[in-house]
C-alpha atoms as a PDB file:
ATOM      1  CA  MET A   1     -14.466  -2.070  20.057  1.00  0.00           C
ATOM      2  CA  ARG A   2     -13.147  -3.391  16.757  1.00  0.00           C
ATOM      3  CA  ILE A   3     -10.086  -1.797  15.133  1.00  0.00           C
ATOM      4  CA  ARG A   4      -8.452  -2.892  11.900  1.00  0.00           C
ATOM      5  CA  ILE A   5      -4.654  -2.621  11.864  1.00  0.00           C
ATOM      6  CA  ARG A   6      -2.892  -2.414   8.501  1.00  0.00           C
ATOM      7  CA  GLY A   7       0.842  -3.021   8.827  1.00  0.00           C
ATOM      8  CA  PRO A   8       3.577  -3.187   6.187  1.00  0.00           C
ATOM      9  CA  ALA A   9       2.472  -6.701   5.235  1.00  0.00           C
ATOM     10  CA  GLY A  10      -1.295  -6.640   5.400  1.00  0.00           C
ATOM     11  CA  GLN A  11      -4.122  -6.195   7.838  1.00  0.00           C
ATOM     12  CA  SER A  12      -5.811  -7.845  10.801  1.00  0.00           C
ATOM     13  CA  THR A  13      -8.680  -6.961  13.098  1.00  0.00           C
ATOM     14  CA  VAL A  14      -8.432  -6.680  16.884  1.00  0.00           C
ATOM     15  CA  THR A  15     -11.211  -6.507  19.466  1.00  0.00           C
ATOM     16  CA  LEU A  16     -10.658  -4.413  22.578  1.00  0.00           C
ATOM     17  CA  ASP A  17     -12.741  -4.012  25.727  1.00  0.00           C
ATOM     18  CA  ALA A  18     -14.765  -0.851  26.214  1.00  0.00           C
ATOM     19  CA  ASP A  19     -12.313   0.288  28.908  1.00  0.00           C
ATOM     20  CA  ALA A  20      -9.171  -0.451  26.840  1.00  0.00           C
ATOM     21  CA  THR A  21      -6.343   2.058  27.201  1.00  0.00           C
ATOM     22  CA  VAL A  22      -3.799   3.640  24.893  1.00  0.00           C
ATOM     23  CA  ASP A  23      -1.255   1.181  26.263  1.00  0.00           C
ATOM     24  CA  ASP A  24      -3.538  -1.739  25.333  1.00  0.00           C
ATOM     25  CA  LEU A  25      -3.750  -0.453  21.761  1.00  0.00           C
ATOM     26  CA  ARG A  26       0.005  -0.001  21.502  1.00  0.00           C
ATOM     27  CA  HIS A  27       0.491  -3.573  22.721  1.00  0.00           C
ATOM     28  CA  GLN A  28      -1.911  -4.838  20.049  1.00  0.00           C
ATOM     29  CA  ILE A  29      -0.143  -2.876  17.313  1.00  0.00           C
ATOM     30  CA  THR A  30       3.217  -4.365  18.268  1.00  0.00           C
ATOM     31  CA  GLU A  31       1.733  -7.860  18.502  1.00  0.00           C
ATOM     32  CA  LYS A  32       0.015  -7.650  15.115  1.00  0.00           C
ATOM     33  CA  THR A  33       2.797  -5.924  13.168  1.00  0.00           C
ATOM     34  CA  GLY A  34       5.983  -6.951  14.964  1.00  0.00           C
ATOM     35  CA  LEU A  35       6.990  -3.269  15.068  1.00  0.00           C
ATOM     36  CA  THR A  36       8.238  -1.692  18.285  1.00  0.00           C
ATOM     37  CA  ALA A  37       8.809   1.773  16.827  1.00  0.00           C
ATOM     38  CA  TYR A  38       6.132   2.939  14.418  1.00  0.00           C
ATOM     39  CA  ASP A  39       3.978   5.773  13.122  1.00  0.00           C
ATOM     40  CA  VAL A  40       0.183   5.526  13.032  1.00  0.00           C
ATOM     41  CA  LYS A  41      -2.295   7.216  10.713  1.00  0.00           C
ATOM     42  CA  TYR A  42      -6.073   6.996  10.601  1.00  0.00           C
ATOM     43  CA  GLY A  43      -9.151   8.543   9.012  1.00  0.00           C
ATOM     44  CA  TYR A  44      -9.389   6.904   5.594  1.00  0.00           C
ATOM     45  CA  PRO A  45      -9.919   8.390   3.036  1.00  0.00           C
ATOM     46  CA  ASN A  46      -8.590  11.627   4.631  1.00  0.00           C
ATOM     47  CA  ILE A  47      -5.500  10.346   6.424  1.00  0.00           C
ATOM     48  CA  LYS A  48      -4.292  12.031   9.625  1.00  0.00           C
ATOM     49  CA  PRO A  49      -1.525  11.148  12.100  1.00  0.00           C
ATOM     50  CA  LEU A  50      -2.374   9.501  15.429  1.00  0.00           C
ATOM     51  CA  VAL A  51       0.504  10.209  17.821  1.00  0.00           C
ATOM     52  CA  LEU A  52      -0.005   7.557  20.479  1.00  0.00           C
ATOM     53  CA  GLY A  53       3.277   8.458  22.164  1.00  0.00           C
ATOM     54  CA  ALA A  54       1.865  11.878  23.062  1.00  0.00           C
ATOM     55  CA  LEU A  55      -1.117  10.359  24.905  1.00  0.00           C
ATOM     56  CA  PRO A  56      -1.139   9.110  28.521  1.00  0.00           C
ATOM     57  CA  SER A  57      -0.615   5.348  28.449  1.00  0.00           C
ATOM     58  CA  LYS A  58      -3.513   4.703  30.833  1.00  0.00           C
ATOM     59  CA  GLN A  59      -6.007   6.965  29.066  1.00  0.00           C
ATOM     60  CA  LYS A  60      -9.085   5.096  27.904  1.00  0.00           C
ATOM     61  CA  LEU A  61      -9.548   4.947  24.142  1.00  0.00           C
ATOM     62  CA  ALA A  62     -13.235   5.686  24.621  1.00  0.00           C
ATOM     63  CA  ASP A  63     -12.313   9.063  26.153  1.00  0.00           C
ATOM     64  CA  LEU A  64     -10.242  10.245  23.166  1.00  0.00           C
ATOM     65  CA  ASP A  65     -11.487  13.026  20.907  1.00  0.00           C
ATOM     66  CA  ILE A  66     -11.635  10.559  18.005  1.00  0.00           C
ATOM     67  CA  THR A  67     -13.786   7.462  17.554  1.00  0.00           C
ATOM     68  CA  LEU A  68     -11.577   4.423  17.024  1.00  0.00           C
ATOM     69  CA  ASN A  69     -14.306   1.791  16.991  1.00  0.00           C
ATOM     70  CA  GLY A  70     -14.489   0.546  13.389  1.00  0.00           C
ATOM     71  CA  GLU A  71     -11.432   2.575  12.392  1.00  0.00           C
ATOM     72  CA  GLN A  72      -8.550   1.358  10.224  1.00  0.00           C
ATOM     73  CA  LEU A  73      -5.102   2.271  11.530  1.00  0.00           C
ATOM     74  CA  ILE A  74      -2.241   2.427   9.045  1.00  0.00           C
ATOM     75  CA  VAL A  75       0.975   1.477  10.845  1.00  0.00           C
ATOM     76  CA  THR A  76       4.369   2.090   9.266  1.00  0.00           C
ATOM     77  CA  GLN A  77       7.896   1.501  10.479  1.00  0.00           C
ATOM     78  CA  GLN A  78       9.375   4.563  12.129  1.00  0.00           C
ATOM     79  CA  GLU A  79      12.438   5.726  10.267  1.00  0.00           C
ATOM     80  CA  ASN A  80      15.881   5.403  11.873  1.00  0.00           C
ATOM     81  CA  SER A  81      14.595   2.959  14.468  1.00  0.00           C
ATOM     82  CA  ALA A  82      17.305   0.641  15.769  1.00  0.00           C
ATOM     83  CA  HIS A  83      14.780  -1.887  17.050  1.00  0.00           C
ATOM     84  CA  ALA A  84      12.392  -1.938  14.104  1.00  0.00           C
ATOM     85  CA  PRO A  85      12.186  -4.942  11.762  1.00  0.00           C
ATOM     86  CA  LEU A  86      14.268  -5.030   8.631  1.00  0.00           C
ATOM     87  CA  LYS A  87      13.121  -2.984   5.654  1.00  0.00           C
ATOM     88  CA  ASN A  88      11.160  -4.887   3.007  1.00  0.00           C
ATOM     89  CA  GLU A  89      10.228  -7.657   5.453  1.00  0.00           C
ATOM     90  CA  PRO A  90       6.460  -7.892   6.155  1.00  0.00           C
ATOM     91  CA  GLN A  91       5.622  -7.820   9.826  1.00  0.00           C
ATOM     92  CA  ALA A  92       1.927  -8.308  10.654  1.00  0.00           C
ATOM     93  CA  ALA A  93       1.668 -11.228  13.027  1.00  0.00           C
ATOM     94  CA  ASP A  94      -1.837 -12.255  11.980  1.00  0.00           C
ATOM     95  CA  SER A  95      -1.991 -10.617   8.564  1.00  0.00           C
ATOM     96  CA  PRO A  96      -2.022 -12.419   5.210  1.00  0.00           C
ATOM     97  CA  LEU A  97       1.729 -11.833   4.948  1.00  0.00           C
ATOM     98  CA  LYS A  98       3.090 -12.099   8.432  1.00  0.00           C
ATOM     99  CA  ALA A  99       6.693 -12.361   9.524  1.00  0.00           C
ATOM    100  CA  PRO A 100       8.364 -12.243  12.927  1.00  0.00           C
ATOM    101  CA  ALA A 101      10.339  -9.438  14.474  1.00  0.00           C
ATOM    102  CA  VAL A 102      14.102  -9.419  14.143  1.00  0.00           C
ATOM    103  CA  GLY A 103      15.853 -11.972  16.295  1.00  0.00           C
ATOM    104  CA  SER A 104      13.126 -14.610  16.226  1.00  0.00           C
ATOM    105  CA  THR A 105      13.675 -18.246  15.295  1.00  0.00           C
ATOM    106  CA  HIS A 106      11.358 -18.084  12.287  1.00  0.00           C
ATOM    107  CA  LYS A 107      12.686 -20.036   9.319  1.00  0.00           C
ATOM    108  CA  LYS A 108      12.356 -18.855   5.756  1.00  0.00           C
ATOM    109  CA  GLY A 109       9.843 -20.882   3.795  1.00  0.00           C
ATOM    110  CA  SER A 110       6.907 -20.509   6.175  1.00  0.00           C
ATOM    111  CA  PRO A 111       3.555 -20.310   4.347  1.00  0.00           C
ATOM    112  CA  ASP A 112       3.129 -16.886   5.952  1.00  0.00           C
ATOM    113  CA  ASP A 113       6.123 -15.385   4.152  1.00  0.00           C
ATOM    114  CA  PRO A 114       5.491 -13.107   1.173  1.00  0.00           C
ATOM    115  CA  PRO A 115       4.737 -15.308  -1.860  1.00  0.00           C
ATOM    116  CA  GLU A 116       7.687 -16.350  -4.003  1.00  0.00           C
ATOM    117  CA  VAL A 117       7.184 -17.915  -7.418  1.00  0.00           C
ATOM    118  CA  PRO A 118      10.019 -19.951  -8.970  1.00  0.00           C
ATOM    119  CA  SER A 119      11.064 -19.222 -12.534  1.00  0.00           C
ATOM    120  CA  PRO A 120      13.766 -21.615 -13.770  1.00  0.00           C
ATOM    121  CA  ASP A 121      13.634 -19.924 -17.187  1.00  0.00           C
ATOM    122  CA  HIS A 122      14.916 -16.746 -15.518  1.00  0.00           C
ATOM    123  CA  SER A 123      17.234 -18.507 -13.045  1.00  0.00           C
ATOM    124  CA  GLY A 124      15.454 -16.713 -10.254  1.00  0.00           C
ATOM    125  CA  THR A 125      12.393 -16.162  -8.112  1.00  0.00           C
ATOM    126  CA  PHE A 126       9.594 -13.638  -8.535  1.00  0.00           C
ATOM    127  CA  VAL A 127       8.938 -11.865  -5.229  1.00  0.00           C
ATOM    128  CA  LEU A 128       6.717  -9.127  -3.834  1.00  0.00           C
ATOM    129  CA  ARG A 129       8.552  -6.022  -2.654  1.00  0.00           C
ATOM    130  CA  ILE A 130       6.348  -4.170  -0.175  1.00  0.00           C
ATOM    131  CA  MET A 131       6.174  -0.384  -0.278  1.00  0.00           C
ATOM    132  CA  PRO A 132       5.644   1.738   2.860  1.00  0.00           C
ATOM    133  CA  ASP A 133       2.069   2.813   3.672  1.00  0.00           C
ATOM    134  CA  ASP A 134       2.831   6.536   3.434  1.00  0.00           C
ATOM    135  CA  ASN A 135       0.330   7.762   0.782  1.00  0.00           C
ATOM    136  CA  SER A 136       3.127   7.719  -1.817  1.00  0.00           C
ATOM    137  CA  CYS A 137       3.161   3.967  -2.386  1.00  0.00           C
ATOM    138  CA  LEU A 138       2.312   4.290  -6.097  1.00  0.00           C
ATOM    139  CA  PHE A 139       5.173   6.716  -6.670  1.00  0.00           C
ATOM    140  CA  ARG A 140       7.516   4.541  -4.618  1.00  0.00           C
ATOM    141  CA  ALA A 141       6.528   1.431  -6.546  1.00  0.00           C
ATOM    142  CA  VAL A 142       7.215   3.104  -9.898  1.00  0.00           C
ATOM    143  CA  SER A 143      10.463   4.747  -8.810  1.00  0.00           C
ATOM    144  CA  SER A 144      11.612   1.493  -7.221  1.00  0.00           C
ATOM    145  CA  ALA A 145      11.469  -0.070 -10.676  1.00  0.00           C
ATOM    146  CA  THR A 146      12.491   2.792 -12.926  1.00  0.00           C
ATOM    147  CA  MET A 147      14.929   4.726 -10.754  1.00  0.00           C
ATOM    148  CA  GLY A 148      16.563   2.005  -8.688  1.00  0.00           C
ATOM    149  CA  GLY A 149      14.696   2.946  -5.537  1.00  0.00           C
ATOM    150  CA  VAL A 150      15.740   6.612  -5.547  1.00  0.00           C
ATOM    151  CA  ASP A 151      13.514   8.590  -3.166  1.00  0.00           C
ATOM    152  CA  ALA A 152      11.891  10.837  -5.786  1.00  0.00           C
ATOM    153  CA  MET A 153       8.319  11.147  -4.564  1.00  0.00           C
ATOM    154  CA  THR A 154       8.217  14.939  -4.837  1.00  0.00           C
ATOM    155  CA  GLU A 155       9.789  14.881  -8.295  1.00  0.00           C
ATOM    156  CA  LEU A 156       7.322  12.310  -9.647  1.00  0.00           C
ATOM    157  CA  ARG A 157       4.358  14.232  -8.285  1.00  0.00           C
ATOM    158  CA  SER A 158       5.771  17.301 -10.032  1.00  0.00           C
ATOM    159  CA  VAL A 159       6.082  15.351 -13.290  1.00  0.00           C
ATOM    160  CA  VAL A 160       2.378  14.514 -13.087  1.00  0.00           C
ATOM    161  CA  ALA A 161       1.387  18.125 -12.427  1.00  0.00           C
ATOM    162  CA  GLN A 162       3.592  19.488 -15.231  1.00  0.00           C
ATOM    163  CA  THR A 163       2.219  16.949 -17.714  1.00  0.00           C
ATOM    164  CA  ILE A 164      -1.367  17.868 -16.872  1.00  0.00           C
ATOM    165  CA  GLN A 165      -0.623  21.556 -17.295  1.00  0.00           C
ATOM    166  CA  ALA A 166       1.136  20.922 -20.616  1.00  0.00           C
ATOM    167  CA  HIS A 167      -1.823  18.984 -22.080  1.00  0.00           C
ATOM    168  CA  PRO A 168      -5.025  20.828 -21.105  1.00  0.00           C
ATOM    169  CA  ASP A 169      -6.991  19.302 -24.000  1.00  0.00           C
ATOM    170  CA  LEU A 170      -6.240  15.792 -22.730  1.00  0.00           C
ATOM    171  CA  TYR A 171      -6.472  16.295 -18.975  1.00  0.00           C
ATOM    172  CA  THR A 172      -9.770  18.105 -18.666  1.00  0.00           C
ATOM    173  CA  GLU A 173     -11.972  18.587 -15.630  1.00  0.00           C
ATOM    174  CA  ALA A 174     -14.151  15.709 -16.853  1.00  0.00           C
ATOM    175  CA  VAL A 175     -11.144  13.372 -16.912  1.00  0.00           C
ATOM    176  CA  LEU A 176      -9.614  14.535 -13.637  1.00  0.00           C
ATOM    177  CA  GLU A 177     -12.918  15.013 -11.766  1.00  0.00           C
ATOM    178  CA  LYS A 178     -11.357  18.236 -10.518  1.00  0.00           C
ATOM    179  CA  LYS A 179     -10.365  21.481 -12.178  1.00  0.00           C
ATOM    180  CA  PRO A 180      -6.887  20.915 -13.654  1.00  0.00           C
ATOM    181  CA  ASP A 181      -5.198  23.595 -11.518  1.00  0.00           C
ATOM    182  CA  GLU A 182      -6.856  22.202  -8.410  1.00  0.00           C
ATOM    183  CA  TYR A 183      -5.795  18.664  -9.334  1.00  0.00           C
ATOM    184  CA  CYS A 184      -2.192  19.779  -9.863  1.00  0.00           C
ATOM    185  CA  ARG A 185      -2.095  21.371  -6.419  1.00  0.00           C
ATOM    186  CA  TRP A 186      -3.744  18.320  -4.893  1.00  0.00           C
ATOM    187  CA  ILE A 187      -1.447  15.662  -6.409  1.00  0.00           C
ATOM    188  CA  GLN A 188       1.646  17.515  -5.196  1.00  0.00           C
ATOM    189  CA  ASN A 189       0.436  17.140  -1.621  1.00  0.00           C
ATOM    190  CA  GLU A 190       2.301  14.269   0.050  1.00  0.00           C
ATOM    191  CA  ASP A 191      -0.976  12.972   1.522  1.00  0.00           C
ATOM    192  CA  SER A 192      -2.668  12.517  -1.882  1.00  0.00           C
ATOM    193  CA  TRP A 193      -2.881   9.043  -3.379  1.00  0.00           C
ATOM    194  CA  GLY A 194      -2.099   8.313  -7.012  1.00  0.00           C
ATOM    195  CA  GLY A 195      -4.015   6.048  -9.388  1.00  0.00           C
ATOM    196  CA  GLY A 196      -4.571   5.320 -13.059  1.00  0.00           C
ATOM    197  CA  ILE A 197      -3.959   8.886 -14.226  1.00  0.00           C
ATOM    198  CA  GLU A 198      -0.578   8.950 -12.523  1.00  0.00           C
ATOM    199  CA  LEU A 199       0.412   5.520 -13.848  1.00  0.00           C
ATOM    200  CA  SER A 200      -0.488   6.613 -17.376  1.00  0.00           C
ATOM    201  CA  ILE A 201       1.571   9.795 -17.134  1.00  0.00           C
ATOM    202  CA  LEU A 202       4.593   8.162 -15.508  1.00  0.00           C
ATOM    203  CA  SER A 203       4.620   5.262 -17.975  1.00  0.00           C
ATOM    204  CA  LYS A 204       4.989   7.736 -20.837  1.00  0.00           C
ATOM    205  CA  HIS A 205       7.493   9.835 -18.926  1.00  0.00           C
ATOM    206  CA  PHE A 206       9.795   6.827 -18.443  1.00  0.00           C
ATOM    207  CA  ASP A 207       8.874   5.292 -21.834  1.00  0.00           C
ATOM    208  CA  ILE A 208       7.952   2.032 -20.156  1.00  0.00           C
ATOM    209  CA  GLU A 209       4.859  -0.128 -20.038  1.00  0.00           C
ATOM    210  CA  ILE A 210       3.444  -0.296 -16.520  1.00  0.00           C
ATOM    211  CA  CYS A 211       1.267  -3.325 -15.817  1.00  0.00           C
ATOM    212  CA  SER A 212      -0.931  -2.972 -12.742  1.00  0.00           C
ATOM    213  CA  ILE A 213      -2.371  -6.251 -11.396  1.00  0.00           C
ATOM    214  CA  ASP A 214      -5.475  -5.950  -9.210  1.00  0.00           C
ATOM    215  CA  VAL A 215      -5.194  -8.555  -6.444  1.00  0.00           C
ATOM    216  CA  GLN A 216      -8.952  -8.805  -5.897  1.00  0.00           C
ATOM    217  CA  THR A 217      -9.837  -9.526  -9.541  1.00  0.00           C
ATOM    218  CA  LEU A 218      -6.419 -10.438 -11.062  1.00  0.00           C
ATOM    219  CA  ARG A 219      -7.209  -7.945 -13.830  1.00  0.00           C
ATOM    220  CA  ILE A 220      -4.169  -6.463 -15.594  1.00  0.00           C
ATOM    221  CA  ASP A 221      -4.317  -2.788 -16.590  1.00  0.00           C
ATOM    222  CA  ARG A 222      -1.614  -1.793 -19.077  1.00  0.00           C
ATOM    223  CA  PHE A 223      -0.331   1.760 -19.354  1.00  0.00           C
ATOM    224  CA  ASN A 224       1.732   2.867 -22.364  1.00  0.00           C
ATOM    225  CA  GLU A 225       1.219  -0.540 -23.930  1.00  0.00           C
ATOM    226  CA  GLY A 226       3.681  -1.267 -26.723  1.00  0.00           C
ATOM    227  CA  ALA A 227       6.769   0.133 -25.029  1.00  0.00           C
ATOM    228  CA  PRO A 228       9.758  -2.246 -25.298  1.00  0.00           C
ATOM    229  CA  MET A 229      10.231  -2.650 -21.541  1.00  0.00           C
ATOM    230  CA  ARG A 230       7.767  -3.088 -18.685  1.00  0.00           C
ATOM    231  CA  CYS A 231       7.507  -3.056 -14.914  1.00  0.00           C
ATOM    232  CA  ILE A 232       4.763  -4.568 -12.791  1.00  0.00           C
ATOM    233  CA  VAL A 233       2.963  -3.053  -9.811  1.00  0.00           C
ATOM    234  CA  VAL A 234       0.483  -4.836  -7.557  1.00  0.00           C
ATOM    235  CA  TYR A 235      -2.704  -3.006  -6.555  1.00  0.00           C
ATOM    236  CA  SER A 236      -4.473  -4.211  -3.412  1.00  0.00           C
ATOM    237  CA  GLY A 237      -7.294  -1.688  -3.177  1.00  0.00           C
ATOM    238  CA  ILE A 238      -5.655   1.148  -1.233  1.00  0.00           C
ATOM    239  CA  HIS A 239      -2.014   0.277  -1.746  1.00  0.00           C
ATOM    240  CA  TYR A 240       0.619  -0.409  -4.420  1.00  0.00           C
ATOM    241  CA  ASP A 241       3.595  -2.754  -4.185  1.00  0.00           C
ATOM    242  CA  THR A 242       5.985  -3.906  -6.889  1.00  0.00           C
ATOM    243  CA  ILE A 243       7.144  -7.248  -8.275  1.00  0.00           C
ATOM    244  CA  ALA A 244      10.808  -8.123  -8.664  1.00  0.00           C
ATOM    245  CA  LEU A 245      12.851 -10.995 -10.030  1.00  0.00           C
ATOM    246  CA  SER A 246      15.503 -12.024  -7.547  1.00  0.00           C
ATOM    247  CA  PRO A 247      18.456 -14.248  -8.534  1.00  0.00           C
ATOM    248  CA  SER A 248      18.329 -17.555  -6.692  1.00  0.00           C
ATOM    249  CA  SER A 249      19.672 -21.080  -6.706  1.00  0.00           C
ATOM    250  CA  PRO A 250      17.893 -24.186  -8.048  1.00  0.00           C
ATOM    251  CA  PRO A 251      15.082 -25.080  -7.562  1.00  0.00           C
ATOM    252  CA  TYR A 252      14.490 -21.299  -7.451  1.00  0.00           C
ATOM    253  CA  THR A 253      11.727 -21.530  -4.861  1.00  0.00           C
ATOM    254  CA  HIS A 254      13.219 -18.938  -2.493  1.00  0.00           C
ATOM    255  CA  SER A 255      15.023 -15.664  -2.972  1.00  0.00           C
ATOM    256  CA  ASP A 256      18.388 -15.861  -1.241  1.00  0.00           C
ATOM    257  CA  VAL A 257      20.080 -12.532  -2.050  1.00  0.00           C
ATOM    258  CA  PRO A 258      19.387  -8.957  -0.880  1.00  0.00           C
ATOM    259  CA  PRO A 259      16.878  -6.768  -2.791  1.00  0.00           C
ATOM    260  CA  ASP A 260      19.826  -4.785  -4.179  1.00  0.00           C
ATOM    261  CA  PHE A 261      20.157  -7.518  -6.801  1.00  0.00           C
ATOM    262  CA  ASP A 262      16.521  -7.330  -7.939  1.00  0.00           C
ATOM    263  CA  THR A 263      15.422  -6.933 -11.541  1.00  0.00           C
ATOM    264  CA  LYS A 264      12.236  -4.853 -11.788  1.00  0.00           C
ATOM    265  CA  VAL A 265      12.233  -3.861 -15.461  1.00  0.00           C
ATOM    266  CA  PHE A 266      11.573  -6.633 -17.969  1.00  0.00           C
ATOM    267  CA  ASP A 267      11.470  -7.199 -21.711  1.00  0.00           C
ATOM    268  CA  ALA A 268       7.855  -6.586 -22.712  1.00  0.00           C
ATOM    269  CA  ALA A 269       8.125  -9.420 -25.245  1.00  0.00           C
ATOM    270  CA  ASP A 270       8.597 -11.979 -22.451  1.00  0.00           C
ATOM    271  CA  PRO A 271       5.081 -13.313 -21.635  1.00  0.00           C
ATOM    272  CA  LEU A 272       6.369 -15.499 -18.813  1.00  0.00           C
ATOM    273  CA  VAL A 273       6.989 -12.462 -16.624  1.00  0.00           C
ATOM    274  CA  LEU A 274       3.292 -11.587 -16.562  1.00  0.00           C
ATOM    275  CA  GLU A 275       2.304 -15.216 -16.060  1.00  0.00           C
ATOM    276  CA  LYS A 276       4.559 -15.548 -13.032  1.00  0.00           C
ATOM    277  CA  SER A 277       3.363 -12.185 -11.679  1.00  0.00           C
ATOM    278  CA  GLN A 278      -0.268 -13.234 -11.936  1.00  0.00           C
ATOM    279  CA  GLU A 279       0.583 -16.503 -10.222  1.00  0.00           C
ATOM    280  CA  LEU A 280       2.110 -14.530  -7.361  1.00  0.00           C
ATOM    281  CA  CYS A 281      -0.995 -12.324  -7.157  1.00  0.00           C
ATOM    282  CA  GLN A 282      -3.203 -15.413  -7.031  1.00  0.00           C
ATOM    283  CA  VAL A 283      -1.436 -16.370  -3.819  1.00  0.00           C
ATOM    284  CA  LEU A 284      -2.056 -12.871  -2.470  1.00  0.00           C
ATOM    285  CA  GLN A 285      -5.708 -13.171  -3.436  1.00  0.00           C
ATOM    286  CA  THR A 286      -6.130 -16.416  -1.494  1.00  0.00           C
ATOM    287  CA  ARG A 287      -4.657 -14.648   1.542  1.00  0.00           C
ATOM    288  CA  HIS A 288      -7.145 -11.793   1.092  1.00  0.00           C
ATOM    289  CA  TYR A 289      -4.333  -9.276   0.618  1.00  0.00           C
ATOM    290  CA  TYR A 290      -6.675  -6.582  -0.665  1.00  0.00           C
ATOM    291  CA  THR A 291      -9.306  -4.076   0.432  1.00  0.00           C
ATOM    292  CA  ASP A 292     -12.622  -3.998  -1.441  1.00  0.00           C
ATOM    293  CA  THR A 293     -12.864  -0.216  -1.807  1.00  0.00           C
ATOM    294  CA  ALA A 294     -16.043  -0.438  -3.897  1.00  0.00           C
ATOM    295  CA  GLY A 295     -17.931  -2.755  -1.588  1.00  0.00           C
ATOM    296  CA  PHE A 296     -16.858  -2.088   1.980  1.00  0.00           C
ATOM    297  CA  ARG A 297     -19.027   0.123   4.177  1.00  0.00           C
ATOM    298  CA  LEU A 298     -17.722   3.239   5.910  1.00  0.00           C
ATOM    299  CA  ARG A 299     -19.330   5.201   8.729  1.00  0.00           C
ATOM    300  CA  CYS A 300     -18.957   8.941   9.228  1.00  0.00           C
ATOM    301  CA  ASN A 301     -17.923   9.382  12.860  1.00  0.00           C
ATOM    302  CA  THR A 302     -19.136  12.989  12.743  1.00  0.00           C
ATOM    303  CA  CYS A 303     -22.757  12.534  11.696  1.00  0.00           C
ATOM    304  CA  GLY A 304     -23.212   8.762  11.843  1.00  0.00           C
ATOM    305  CA  GLY A 305     -24.040   8.348   8.159  1.00  0.00           C
ATOM    306  CA  THR A 306     -22.934   5.173   6.362  1.00  0.00           C
ATOM    307  CA  PHE A 307     -21.602   4.965   2.819  1.00  0.00           C
ATOM    308  CA  VAL A 308     -20.580   2.220   0.443  1.00  0.00           C
ATOM    309  CA  GLY A 309     -17.058   2.341  -0.917  1.00  0.00           C
ATOM    310  CA  GLU A 310     -14.389   4.977  -1.240  1.00  0.00           C
ATOM    311  CA  ARG A 311     -16.426   7.014  -3.717  1.00  0.00           C
ATOM    312  CA  GLY A 312     -19.395   7.331  -1.375  1.00  0.00           C
ATOM    313  CA  ALA A 313     -17.234   8.468   1.529  1.00  0.00           C
ATOM    314  CA  THR A 314     -15.310  10.912  -0.649  1.00  0.00           C
ATOM    315  CA  GLN A 315     -18.499  12.506  -1.973  1.00  0.00           C
ATOM    316  CA  HIS A 316     -19.826  12.885   1.560  1.00  0.00           C
ATOM    317  CA  ALA A 317     -16.570  14.520   2.669  1.00  0.00           C
ATOM    318  CA  GLU A 318     -16.706  16.992  -0.221  1.00  0.00           C
ATOM    319  CA  GLN A 319     -20.335  17.886   0.503  1.00  0.00           C
ATOM    320  CA  THR A 320     -20.083  18.206   4.287  1.00  0.00           C
ATOM    321  CA  GLY A 321     -16.443  18.707   5.202  1.00  0.00           C
ATOM    322  CA  HIS A 322     -16.620  15.628   7.447  1.00  0.00           C
ATOM    323  CA  VAL A 323     -13.320  13.742   7.307  1.00  0.00           C
ATOM    324  CA  ASP A 324     -13.492  11.310  10.243  1.00  0.00           C
ATOM    325  CA  PHE A 325     -14.486   7.879   8.861  1.00  0.00           C
ATOM    326  CA  GLY A 326     -14.354   4.358  10.240  1.00  0.00           C
ATOM    327  CA  GLU A 327     -15.321   0.951   8.929  1.00  0.00           C
ATOM    328  CA  ALA A 328     -19.012   0.221   9.503  1.00  0.00           C
ATOM    329  CA  GLY A 329     -19.755  -3.063  11.212  1.00  0.00           C
END
């Protein structure tokens, strides 16, 4: 069976024998992500937890109540884990942005590190700061820039809902693709993903221009364009990260200070910031750090139907109530 594992730094695909066990899968997750303590979710686009620790280690994966063949597992660092890798360091051993577990002899500067783009004009290095895969990555990316990393996911979701309710003529059912009241309830659910509507609302709320760079196409979408300051988020299909400028020493090729010293809000009149950010995203693109949500094929594990892209799977889920999807081969 084939299973795609998406860790904090990217994704890789593993192939397991038909008689593979829960323990075999856990070993693969650790090998591919570098994480020894982690949480697992599955079932895109309707994400559910997969508690491997509650399953017998020798139980065959084929005997589980869920179909893992073709599935994508989202693996995140377990909070308060003493043996987990350092926060903000990518971990996937064979992903586009791999890094070793803590205590290894890996040296900074490996081509598998997150991309870093030198900017002598800013006396620093542009770097990618990776957000957790917890369905709130958009809100985390924005708050990381605008609120200094304050954990305000619930508050930002509430801001979106209140704005929609305050402007019914603007946020109609046609715009939201849901009834406004239903959308407001939905977006306040911690499992709901944000997108362009949320970026537009939050950019106005913080009076900042938010530039979203699509890794697959390198397209830049600007929200609240014309604001004096801007921040930059990186969209990789089903995930958002953020770009930061880290102080560094000449020749500025590597960040050498903690993320606490990052700058994530920039003067909108400085065109070099966007140029450097696009250059960074070009590196991500060459490493295939994105998911083609419009073109990849999903299979319904309930009825066996196949669908193209996120939209096709979502429509099927709404029509049938089926929520168990995996990647079609």
